[in-house]
Amino acid sequence: EIIEGRSAVDESMVTGESLPVDKAPGDAVIGATVNTTGAFKFQATKVGKDTALAQIVKLVQDAMGSKAPIARLVDVVSGYFVPTVMIIAILTFLAWFNFGPSPALAYAVVTAVTVLIIACPCAVGMAVPLSLVAGVGKGAEHGVLIRNGEALQTASQLKV
């Protein structure tokens, strides 16, 4: 809070307002803002976890830890898909081991591993959380705070 003096403060990093905001005694000043003109004395009224900057950091951390609805869907699908792929790989191994040409064990292992590589859902399971973290991080870099994964997912449906 400003105790004495007047100035204009650039709050764009916190509020997104591009023009400096005039400040006078009694007005609040947010940490991490820039004094552009004048001089003033101020008193810290919030420290540590209570500051605006700490709350912004917490918001970004919470958003990065949240799951988008599509991520939950991918988890459910993977829960069925992975066991199915494992069963197909085992059946492939058994078929090539019993009916394949010599050396049957080598062909059985190669074909079973090939099934696992081709059908592995790892890329899908990793793509969703990575894209969420990348989106939230990029938004934070540009001053856009994204509350959670669902907000990021539904942003694509906005009509502005």
N, C-alpha and C. Protein backbone atom coordinates (compact mmCIF):
# COMPACT_ATOMS: atom_id res chain seq x y z
N GLU A 1 0.85 -1.18 0.00
CA GLU A 1 0.00 0.00 0.00
C GLU A 1 0.89 1.24 0.00
N ILE A 2 0.52 2.24 -0.81
CA ILE A 2 1.31 3.47 -0.88
C ILE A 2 1.03 4.32 0.36
N ILE A 3 2.12 4.74 1.00
CA ILE A 3 2.02 5.57 2.20
C ILE A 3 2.21 7.04 1.85
N GLU A 4 3.15 7.30 0.93
CA GLU A 4 3.50 8.68 0.61
C GLU A 4 3.98 8.76 -0.83
N GLY A 5 3.59 9.79 -1.56
CA GLY A 5 4.03 10.02 -2.93
C GLY A 5 3.00 9.56 -3.95
N ARG A 6 3.32 9.87 -5.22
CA ARG A 6 2.43 9.50 -6.33
C ARG A 6 3.29 8.97 -7.47
N SER A 7 2.66 8.11 -8.29
CA SER A 7 3.39 7.56 -9.43
C SER A 7 2.42 6.86 -10.37
N ALA A 8 2.95 6.46 -11.50
CA ALA A 8 2.22 5.58 -12.41
C ALA A 8 2.96 4.25 -12.39
N VAL A 9 2.21 3.17 -12.28
CA VAL A 9 2.81 1.84 -12.14
C VAL A 9 2.38 0.95 -13.30
N ASP A 10 3.36 0.28 -13.90
CA ASP A 10 3.09 -0.66 -14.98
C ASP A 10 2.71 -2.00 -14.35
N GLU A 11 1.42 -2.35 -14.42
CA GLU A 11 0.92 -3.60 -13.84
C GLU A 11 0.66 -4.65 -14.91
N SER A 12 1.19 -4.44 -16.10
CA SER A 12 0.86 -5.32 -17.23
C SER A 12 1.24 -6.77 -16.99
N MET A 13 2.31 -7.00 -16.24
CA MET A 13 2.72 -8.38 -15.99
C MET A 13 1.67 -9.14 -15.18
N VAL A 14 0.96 -8.43 -14.33
CA VAL A 14 -0.01 -9.08 -13.45
C VAL A 14 -1.44 -8.97 -13.98
N THR A 15 -1.83 -7.77 -14.44
CA THR A 15 -3.22 -7.55 -14.83
C THR A 15 -3.47 -7.61 -16.32
N GLY A 16 -2.40 -7.42 -17.11
CA GLY A 16 -2.56 -7.39 -18.56
C GLY A 16 -2.87 -6.00 -19.09
N GLU A 17 -3.10 -5.05 -18.21
CA GLU A 17 -3.37 -3.66 -18.60
C GLU A 17 -2.10 -3.05 -19.17
N SER A 18 -2.15 -2.59 -20.42
CA SER A 18 -0.94 -2.09 -21.09
C SER A 18 -0.55 -0.69 -20.65
N LEU A 19 -1.51 0.10 -20.17
CA LEU A 19 -1.21 1.47 -19.76
C LEU A 19 -0.86 1.51 -18.27
N PRO A 20 0.11 2.37 -17.90
CA PRO A 20 0.44 2.51 -16.47
C PRO A 20 -0.77 3.02 -15.69
N VAL A 21 -0.88 2.58 -14.45
CA VAL A 21 -2.01 2.94 -13.59
C VAL A 21 -1.52 3.95 -12.56
N ASP A 22 -2.23 5.09 -12.44
CA ASP A 22 -1.87 6.12 -11.46
C ASP A 22 -2.11 5.59 -10.05
N LYS A 23 -1.13 5.87 -9.19
CA LYS A 23 -1.23 5.42 -7.79
C LYS A 23 -1.00 6.62 -6.87
N ALA A 24 -1.77 6.64 -5.78
CA ALA A 24 -1.69 7.71 -4.78
C ALA A 24 -1.72 7.07 -3.40
N PRO A 25 -1.47 7.85 -2.34
CA PRO A 25 -1.51 7.28 -0.99
C PRO A 25 -2.82 6.53 -0.72
N GLY A 26 -2.69 5.35 -0.14
CA GLY A 26 -3.84 4.50 0.15
C GLY A 26 -4.11 3.44 -0.91
N ASP A 27 -3.53 3.62 -2.12
CA ASP A 27 -3.72 2.64 -3.19
C ASP A 27 -2.82 1.43 -2.98
N ALA A 28 -3.31 0.29 -3.39
CA ALA A 28 -2.53 -0.94 -3.30
C ALA A 28 -1.56 -1.02 -4.48
N VAL A 29 -0.38 -1.56 -4.22
CA VAL A 29 0.61 -1.79 -5.27
C VAL A 29 0.92 -3.28 -5.24
N ILE A 30 0.88 -3.90 -6.39
CA ILE A 30 1.12 -5.34 -6.49
C ILE A 30 2.61 -5.59 -6.70
N GLY A 31 3.16 -6.57 -5.98
CA GLY A 31 4.55 -6.94 -6.17
C GLY A 31 4.80 -7.40 -7.60
N ALA A 32 6.00 -7.18 -8.11
CA ALA A 32 6.41 -7.56 -9.47
C ALA A 32 5.90 -6.57 -10.51
N THR A 33 5.35 -5.43 -10.06
CA THR A 33 4.98 -4.38 -11.00
C THR A 33 6.11 -3.36 -11.04
N VAL A 34 6.08 -2.47 -12.05
CA VAL A 34 7.20 -1.55 -12.28
C VAL A 34 6.74 -0.11 -12.10
N ASN A 35 7.48 0.63 -11.28
CA ASN A 35 7.22 2.05 -11.09
C ASN A 35 7.76 2.79 -12.32
N THR A 36 6.89 3.48 -13.06
CA THR A 36 7.33 4.13 -14.31
C THR A 36 7.64 5.61 -14.14
N THR A 37 6.90 6.31 -13.30
CA THR A 37 7.15 7.74 -13.09
C THR A 37 6.97 8.04 -11.61
N GLY A 38 7.61 9.10 -11.15
CA GLY A 38 7.42 9.52 -9.77
C GLY A 38 8.12 8.62 -8.78
N ALA A 39 7.84 8.91 -7.51
CA ALA A 39 8.44 8.13 -6.42
C ALA A 39 7.40 8.01 -5.32
N PHE A 40 7.52 6.95 -4.55
CA PHE A 40 6.58 6.77 -3.44
C PHE A 40 7.18 5.83 -2.40
N LYS A 41 6.65 5.95 -1.19
CA LYS A 41 6.98 5.00 -0.13
C LYS A 41 5.79 4.06 -0.02
N PHE A 42 6.07 2.81 0.21
CA PHE A 42 4.98 1.85 0.35
C PHE A 42 5.24 0.90 1.50
N GLN A 43 4.20 0.26 1.93
CA GLN A 43 4.29 -0.72 3.00
C GLN A 43 3.74 -2.05 2.48
N ALA A 44 4.48 -3.12 2.73
CA ALA A 44 4.02 -4.45 2.31
C ALA A 44 2.88 -4.89 3.22
N THR A 45 1.75 -5.22 2.61
CA THR A 45 0.60 -5.68 3.39
C THR A 45 0.40 -7.19 3.25
N LYS A 46 1.03 -7.77 2.24
CA LYS A 46 0.94 -9.22 2.03
C LYS A 46 2.34 -9.74 1.71
N VAL A 47 2.67 -10.89 2.29
CA VAL A 47 3.98 -11.50 2.04
C VAL A 47 3.80 -12.99 1.81
N GLY A 48 4.81 -13.59 1.19
CA GLY A 48 4.82 -15.04 1.00
C GLY A 48 3.65 -15.56 0.18
N LYS A 49 2.92 -16.52 0.73
CA LYS A 49 1.81 -17.17 0.02
C LYS A 49 0.63 -16.25 -0.25
N ASP A 50 0.56 -15.13 0.45
CA ASP A 50 -0.59 -14.23 0.31
C ASP A 50 -0.44 -13.25 -0.86
N THR A 51 0.75 -13.15 -1.46
CA THR A 51 0.96 -12.17 -2.53
C THR A 51 0.27 -12.60 -3.81
N ALA A 52 0.00 -11.62 -4.66
CA ALA A 52 -0.65 -11.89 -5.95
C ALA A 52 0.23 -12.80 -6.80
N LEU A 53 1.54 -12.55 -6.79
CA LEU A 53 2.45 -13.37 -7.60
C LEU A 53 2.45 -14.82 -7.13
N ALA A 54 2.45 -15.04 -5.82
CA ALA A 54 2.41 -16.41 -5.29
C ALA A 54 1.11 -17.11 -5.68
N GLN A 55 0.01 -16.36 -5.68
CA GLN A 55 -1.27 -16.95 -6.07
C GLN A 55 -1.29 -17.30 -7.55
N ILE A 56 -0.64 -16.48 -8.38
CA ILE A 56 -0.55 -16.78 -9.81
C ILE A 56 0.27 -18.04 -10.03
N VAL A 57 1.41 -18.14 -9.33
CA VAL A 57 2.26 -19.33 -9.45
C VAL A 57 1.48 -20.57 -9.02
N LYS A 58 0.73 -20.48 -7.93
CA LYS A 58 -0.07 -21.62 -7.46
C LYS A 58 -1.13 -22.00 -8.49
N LEU A 59 -1.77 -21.01 -9.10
CA LEU A 59 -2.79 -21.27 -10.12
C LEU A 59 -2.19 -22.04 -11.29
N VAL A 60 -1.00 -21.62 -11.74
CA VAL A 60 -0.34 -22.31 -12.85
C VAL A 60 0.04 -23.73 -12.44
N GLN A 61 0.57 -23.91 -11.23
CA GLN A 61 0.93 -25.25 -10.76
C GLN A 61 -0.30 -26.15 -10.67
N ASP A 62 -1.41 -25.62 -10.16
CA ASP A 62 -2.64 -26.41 -10.07
C ASP A 62 -3.14 -26.81 -11.45
N ALA A 63 -3.06 -25.88 -12.39
CA ALA A 63 -3.51 -26.18 -13.75
C ALA A 63 -2.66 -27.26 -14.39
N MET A 64 -1.36 -27.22 -14.14
CA MET A 64 -0.47 -28.24 -14.72
C MET A 64 -0.72 -29.61 -14.10
N GLY A 65 -1.22 -29.63 -12.88
CA GLY A 65 -1.50 -30.90 -12.22
C GLY A 65 -2.90 -31.44 -12.48
N SER A 66 -3.74 -30.65 -13.13
CA SER A 66 -5.12 -31.09 -13.36
C SER A 66 -5.21 -31.94 -14.62
N LYS A 67 -6.30 -32.68 -14.72
CA LYS A 67 -6.54 -33.52 -15.89
C LYS A 67 -7.70 -32.96 -16.69
N ALA A 68 -7.50 -32.89 -17.98
CA ALA A 68 -8.58 -32.48 -18.88
C ALA A 68 -9.54 -33.66 -19.05
N PRO A 69 -10.79 -33.41 -19.40
CA PRO A 69 -11.73 -34.51 -19.62
C PRO A 69 -11.23 -35.51 -20.66
N ILE A 70 -10.54 -35.04 -21.67
CA ILE A 70 -10.00 -35.94 -22.69
C ILE A 70 -8.95 -36.87 -22.09
N ALA A 71 -8.21 -36.38 -21.09
CA ALA A 71 -7.20 -37.23 -20.44
C ALA A 71 -7.87 -38.36 -19.67
N ARG A 72 -8.98 -38.07 -19.03
CA ARG A 72 -9.71 -39.14 -18.32
C ARG A 72 -10.25 -40.17 -19.30
N LEU A 73 -10.71 -39.71 -20.45
CA LEU A 73 -11.20 -40.62 -21.49
C LEU A 73 -10.06 -41.51 -21.99
N VAL A 74 -8.90 -40.90 -22.22
CA VAL A 74 -7.73 -41.67 -22.68
C VAL A 74 -7.35 -42.72 -21.64
N ASP A 75 -7.42 -42.37 -20.36
CA ASP A 75 -7.12 -43.34 -19.30
C ASP A 75 -8.08 -44.53 -19.33
N VAL A 76 -9.36 -44.26 -19.52
CA VAL A 76 -10.36 -45.34 -19.58
C VAL A 76 -10.11 -46.23 -20.79
N VAL A 77 -9.91 -45.61 -21.95
CA VAL A 77 -9.67 -46.38 -23.18
C VAL A 77 -8.40 -47.21 -23.04
N SER A 78 -7.34 -46.62 -22.47
CA SER A 78 -6.09 -47.35 -22.29
C SER A 78 -6.27 -48.54 -21.35
N GLY A 79 -7.16 -48.39 -20.38
CA GLY A 79 -7.42 -49.49 -19.45
C GLY A 79 -7.95 -50.74 -20.14
N TYR A 80 -8.67 -50.56 -21.24
CA TYR A 80 -9.15 -51.70 -22.02
C TYR A 80 -8.18 -52.06 -23.14
N PHE A 81 -7.57 -51.04 -23.72
CA PHE A 81 -6.73 -51.24 -24.90
C PHE A 81 -5.45 -52.01 -24.57
N VAL A 82 -4.79 -51.66 -23.47
CA VAL A 82 -3.52 -52.30 -23.12
C VAL A 82 -3.68 -53.80 -22.88
N PRO A 83 -4.65 -54.25 -22.08
CA PRO A 83 -4.80 -55.70 -21.91
C PRO A 83 -5.14 -56.41 -23.23
N THR A 84 -5.93 -55.75 -24.08
CA THR A 84 -6.26 -56.35 -25.38
C THR A 84 -5.01 -56.53 -26.22
N VAL A 85 -4.17 -55.51 -26.25
CA VAL A 85 -2.92 -55.59 -27.02
C VAL A 85 -2.02 -56.69 -26.46
N MET A 86 -1.96 -56.80 -25.14
CA MET A 86 -1.14 -57.85 -24.52
C MET A 86 -1.65 -59.24 -24.91
N ILE A 87 -2.95 -59.41 -24.91
CA ILE A 87 -3.52 -60.71 -25.30
C ILE A 87 -3.20 -61.01 -26.76
N ILE A 88 -3.34 -60.01 -27.62
CA ILE A 88 -3.03 -60.22 -29.05
C ILE A 88 -1.55 -60.56 -29.22
N ALA A 89 -0.67 -59.90 -28.46
CA ALA A 89 0.77 -60.19 -28.56
C ALA A 89 1.06 -61.61 -28.10
N ILE A 90 0.42 -62.06 -27.04
CA ILE A 90 0.62 -63.43 -26.55
C ILE A 90 0.10 -64.44 -27.56
N LEU A 91 -1.08 -64.18 -28.12
CA LEU A 91 -1.63 -65.09 -29.15
C LEU A 91 -0.73 -65.14 -30.38
N THR A 92 -0.18 -63.98 -30.76
CA THR A 92 0.74 -63.92 -31.90
C THR A 92 1.98 -64.76 -31.61
N PHE A 93 2.52 -64.60 -30.39
CA PHE A 93 3.69 -65.39 -30.00
C PHE A 93 3.39 -66.88 -30.09
N LEU A 94 2.27 -67.29 -29.52
CA LEU A 94 1.91 -68.72 -29.52
C LEU A 94 1.70 -69.25 -30.94
N ALA A 95 1.04 -68.47 -31.78
CA ALA A 95 0.79 -68.91 -33.16
C ALA A 95 2.10 -69.08 -33.91
N TRP A 96 3.00 -68.10 -33.83
CA TRP A 96 4.27 -68.21 -34.55
C TRP A 96 5.17 -69.29 -33.93
N PHE A 97 5.08 -69.46 -32.61
CA PHE A 97 5.91 -70.47 -31.97
C PHE A 97 5.45 -71.87 -32.38
N ASN A 98 4.14 -72.09 -32.49
CA ASN A 98 3.61 -73.41 -32.82
C ASN A 98 3.55 -73.68 -34.32
N PHE A 99 3.28 -72.66 -35.13
CA PHE A 99 3.06 -72.90 -36.55
C PHE A 99 4.06 -72.19 -37.47
N GLY A 100 4.95 -71.40 -36.90
CA GLY A 100 5.89 -70.63 -37.72
C GLY A 100 7.06 -71.46 -38.20
N PRO A 101 7.82 -70.89 -39.16
CA PRO A 101 8.99 -71.60 -39.67
C PRO A 101 10.11 -71.62 -38.64
N SER A 102 11.11 -72.39 -38.91
CA SER A 102 12.25 -72.51 -38.01
C SER A 102 13.15 -71.28 -38.20
N PRO A 103 13.76 -70.73 -37.24
CA PRO A 103 13.66 -70.95 -35.80
C PRO A 103 12.40 -70.32 -35.24
N ALA A 104 11.50 -71.14 -34.77
CA ALA A 104 10.17 -70.70 -34.35
C ALA A 104 10.21 -69.72 -33.18
N LEU A 105 11.11 -69.93 -32.23
CA LEU A 105 11.19 -69.04 -31.07
C LEU A 105 11.57 -67.62 -31.50
N ALA A 106 12.53 -67.51 -32.39
CA ALA A 106 12.97 -66.18 -32.87
C ALA A 106 11.83 -65.46 -33.58
N TYR A 107 11.13 -66.15 -34.48
CA TYR A 107 10.00 -65.54 -35.19
C TYR A 107 8.88 -65.16 -34.22
N ALA A 108 8.63 -66.02 -33.24
CA ALA A 108 7.57 -65.76 -32.27
C ALA A 108 7.87 -64.50 -31.45
N VAL A 109 9.12 -64.38 -31.00
CA VAL A 109 9.51 -63.20 -30.20
C VAL A 109 9.43 -61.93 -31.05
N VAL A 110 9.97 -61.98 -32.27
CA VAL A 110 9.97 -60.80 -33.14
C VAL A 110 8.55 -60.34 -33.45
N THR A 111 7.67 -61.27 -33.80
CA THR A 111 6.30 -60.87 -34.15
C THR A 111 5.52 -60.37 -32.93
N ALA A 112 5.72 -60.98 -31.77
CA ALA A 112 5.04 -60.52 -30.56
C ALA A 112 5.50 -59.11 -30.18
N VAL A 113 6.81 -58.88 -30.25
CA VAL A 113 7.35 -57.54 -29.95
C VAL A 113 6.86 -56.52 -30.97
N THR A 114 6.75 -56.94 -32.23
CA THR A 114 6.24 -56.05 -33.28
C THR A 114 4.81 -55.61 -32.97
N VAL A 115 3.99 -56.54 -32.53
CA VAL A 115 2.61 -56.20 -32.16
C VAL A 115 2.61 -55.18 -31.03
N LEU A 116 3.47 -55.40 -30.03
CA LEU A 116 3.53 -54.47 -28.89
C LEU A 116 3.98 -53.08 -29.32
N ILE A 117 4.96 -53.02 -30.21
CA ILE A 117 5.47 -51.72 -30.67
C ILE A 117 4.42 -50.98 -31.48
N ILE A 118 3.80 -51.67 -32.41
CA ILE A 118 2.82 -51.02 -33.30
C ILE A 118 1.58 -50.58 -32.54
N ALA A 119 1.10 -51.40 -31.63
CA ALA A 119 -0.16 -51.11 -30.96
C ALA A 119 0.00 -50.39 -29.62
N CYS A 120 1.22 -50.02 -29.27
CA CYS A 120 1.45 -49.39 -27.97
C CYS A 120 0.71 -48.06 -27.86
N PRO A 121 -0.14 -47.90 -26.85
CA PRO A 121 -0.87 -46.64 -26.68
C PRO A 121 -0.08 -45.59 -25.91
N CYS A 122 1.21 -45.84 -25.73
CA CYS A 122 2.03 -44.92 -24.94
C CYS A 122 2.00 -43.50 -25.50
N ALA A 123 2.04 -43.39 -26.82
CA ALA A 123 2.06 -42.06 -27.43
C ALA A 123 0.79 -41.29 -27.08
N VAL A 124 -0.34 -41.95 -27.12
CA VAL A 124 -1.60 -41.28 -26.78
C VAL A 124 -1.63 -40.93 -25.30
N GLY A 125 -1.21 -41.86 -24.47
CA GLY A 125 -1.21 -41.63 -23.03
C GLY A 125 -0.28 -40.51 -22.60
N MET A 126 0.81 -40.31 -23.33
CA MET A 126 1.75 -39.25 -23.00
C MET A 126 1.40 -37.94 -23.69
N ALA A 127 0.77 -37.99 -24.84
CA ALA A 127 0.49 -36.77 -25.61
C ALA A 127 -0.48 -35.84 -24.88
N VAL A 128 -1.48 -36.39 -24.24
CA VAL A 128 -2.49 -35.55 -23.59
C VAL A 128 -1.90 -34.75 -22.43
N PRO A 129 -1.22 -35.39 -21.45
CA PRO A 129 -0.66 -34.58 -20.36
C PRO A 129 0.43 -33.62 -20.83
N LEU A 130 1.24 -34.06 -21.80
CA LEU A 130 2.30 -33.17 -22.30
C LEU A 130 1.72 -31.95 -22.99
N SER A 131 0.67 -32.15 -23.77
CA SER A 131 0.06 -31.00 -24.45
C SER A 131 -0.61 -30.07 -23.43
N LEU A 132 -1.16 -30.62 -22.38
CA LEU A 132 -1.76 -29.80 -21.33
C LEU A 132 -0.70 -28.94 -20.64
N VAL A 133 0.41 -29.56 -20.26
CA VAL A 133 1.50 -28.82 -19.62
C VAL A 133 2.06 -27.76 -20.57
N ALA A 134 2.23 -28.12 -21.84
CA ALA A 134 2.74 -27.15 -22.82
C ALA A 134 1.78 -25.99 -22.99
N GLY A 135 0.49 -26.27 -23.07
CA GLY A 135 -0.51 -25.21 -23.25
C GLY A 135 -0.57 -24.27 -22.06
N VAL A 136 -0.57 -24.82 -20.86
CA VAL A 136 -0.62 -24.00 -19.65
C VAL A 136 0.66 -23.18 -19.53
N GLY A 137 1.80 -23.80 -19.83
CA GLY A 137 3.09 -23.10 -19.76
C GLY A 137 3.17 -21.97 -20.77
N LYS A 138 2.76 -22.22 -22.00
CA LYS A 138 2.77 -21.18 -23.04
C LYS A 138 1.83 -20.05 -22.67
N GLY A 139 0.66 -20.40 -22.15
CA GLY A 139 -0.28 -19.37 -21.72
C GLY A 139 0.33 -18.49 -20.64
N ALA A 140 0.98 -19.10 -19.66
CA ALA A 140 1.62 -18.34 -18.57
C ALA A 140 2.72 -17.43 -19.11
N GLU A 141 3.48 -17.91 -20.10
CA GLU A 141 4.52 -17.08 -20.72
C GLU A 141 3.93 -15.82 -21.33
N HIS A 142 2.73 -15.92 -21.87
CA HIS A 142 2.09 -14.79 -22.55
C HIS A 142 1.08 -14.07 -21.65
N GLY A 143 1.10 -14.37 -20.36
CA GLY A 143 0.22 -13.67 -19.43
C GLY A 143 -1.20 -14.19 -19.37
N VAL A 144 -1.44 -15.36 -19.95
CA VAL A 144 -2.77 -15.96 -19.90
C VAL A 144 -2.75 -17.07 -18.86
N LEU A 145 -3.55 -16.93 -17.83
CA LEU A 145 -3.59 -17.94 -16.78
C LEU A 145 -4.73 -18.89 -17.03
N ILE A 146 -4.41 -20.17 -17.07
CA ILE A 146 -5.40 -21.21 -17.36
C ILE A 146 -5.64 -21.97 -16.06
N ARG A 147 -6.87 -21.97 -15.60
CA ARG A 147 -7.19 -22.52 -14.29
C ARG A 147 -7.02 -24.04 -14.22
N ASN A 148 -7.44 -24.77 -15.26
CA ASN A 148 -7.33 -26.23 -15.23
C ASN A 148 -7.39 -26.79 -16.65
N GLY A 149 -7.21 -28.09 -16.77
CA GLY A 149 -7.20 -28.74 -18.07
C GLY A 149 -8.52 -28.63 -18.81
N GLU A 150 -9.61 -28.66 -18.08
CA GLU A 150 -10.92 -28.55 -18.72
C GLU A 150 -11.10 -27.18 -19.39
N ALA A 151 -10.61 -26.14 -18.72
CA ALA A 151 -10.70 -24.79 -19.30
C ALA A 151 -9.90 -24.70 -20.59
N LEU A 152 -8.74 -25.33 -20.61
CA LEU A 152 -7.92 -25.32 -21.82
C LEU A 152 -8.61 -26.09 -22.94
N GLN A 153 -9.20 -27.21 -22.61
CA GLN A 153 -9.87 -28.02 -23.63
C GLN A 153 -11.09 -27.29 -24.20
N THR A 154 -11.88 -26.65 -23.36
CA THR A 154 -13.08 -25.97 -23.85
C THR A 154 -12.76 -24.65 -24.54
N ALA A 155 -11.55 -24.13 -24.37
CA ALA A 155 -11.17 -22.87 -25.03
C ALA A 155 -11.23 -23.00 -26.55
N SER A 156 -11.06 -24.20 -27.06
CA SER A 156 -11.11 -24.39 -28.52
C SER A 156 -12.52 -24.17 -29.06
N GLN A 157 -13.52 -24.21 -28.21
CA GLN A 157 -14.91 -24.03 -28.65
C GLN A 157 -15.40 -22.59 -28.51
N LEU A 158 -14.53 -21.71 -28.01
CA LEU A 158 -14.93 -20.31 -27.84
C LEU A 158 -15.12 -19.63 -29.18
N LYS A 159 -16.12 -18.79 -29.25
CA LYS A 159 -16.36 -17.99 -30.45
C LYS A 159 -16.27 -16.53 -30.04
N VAL A 160 -15.20 -15.87 -30.49
CA VAL A 160 -14.97 -14.48 -30.08
C VAL A 160 -15.20 -13.55 -31.24
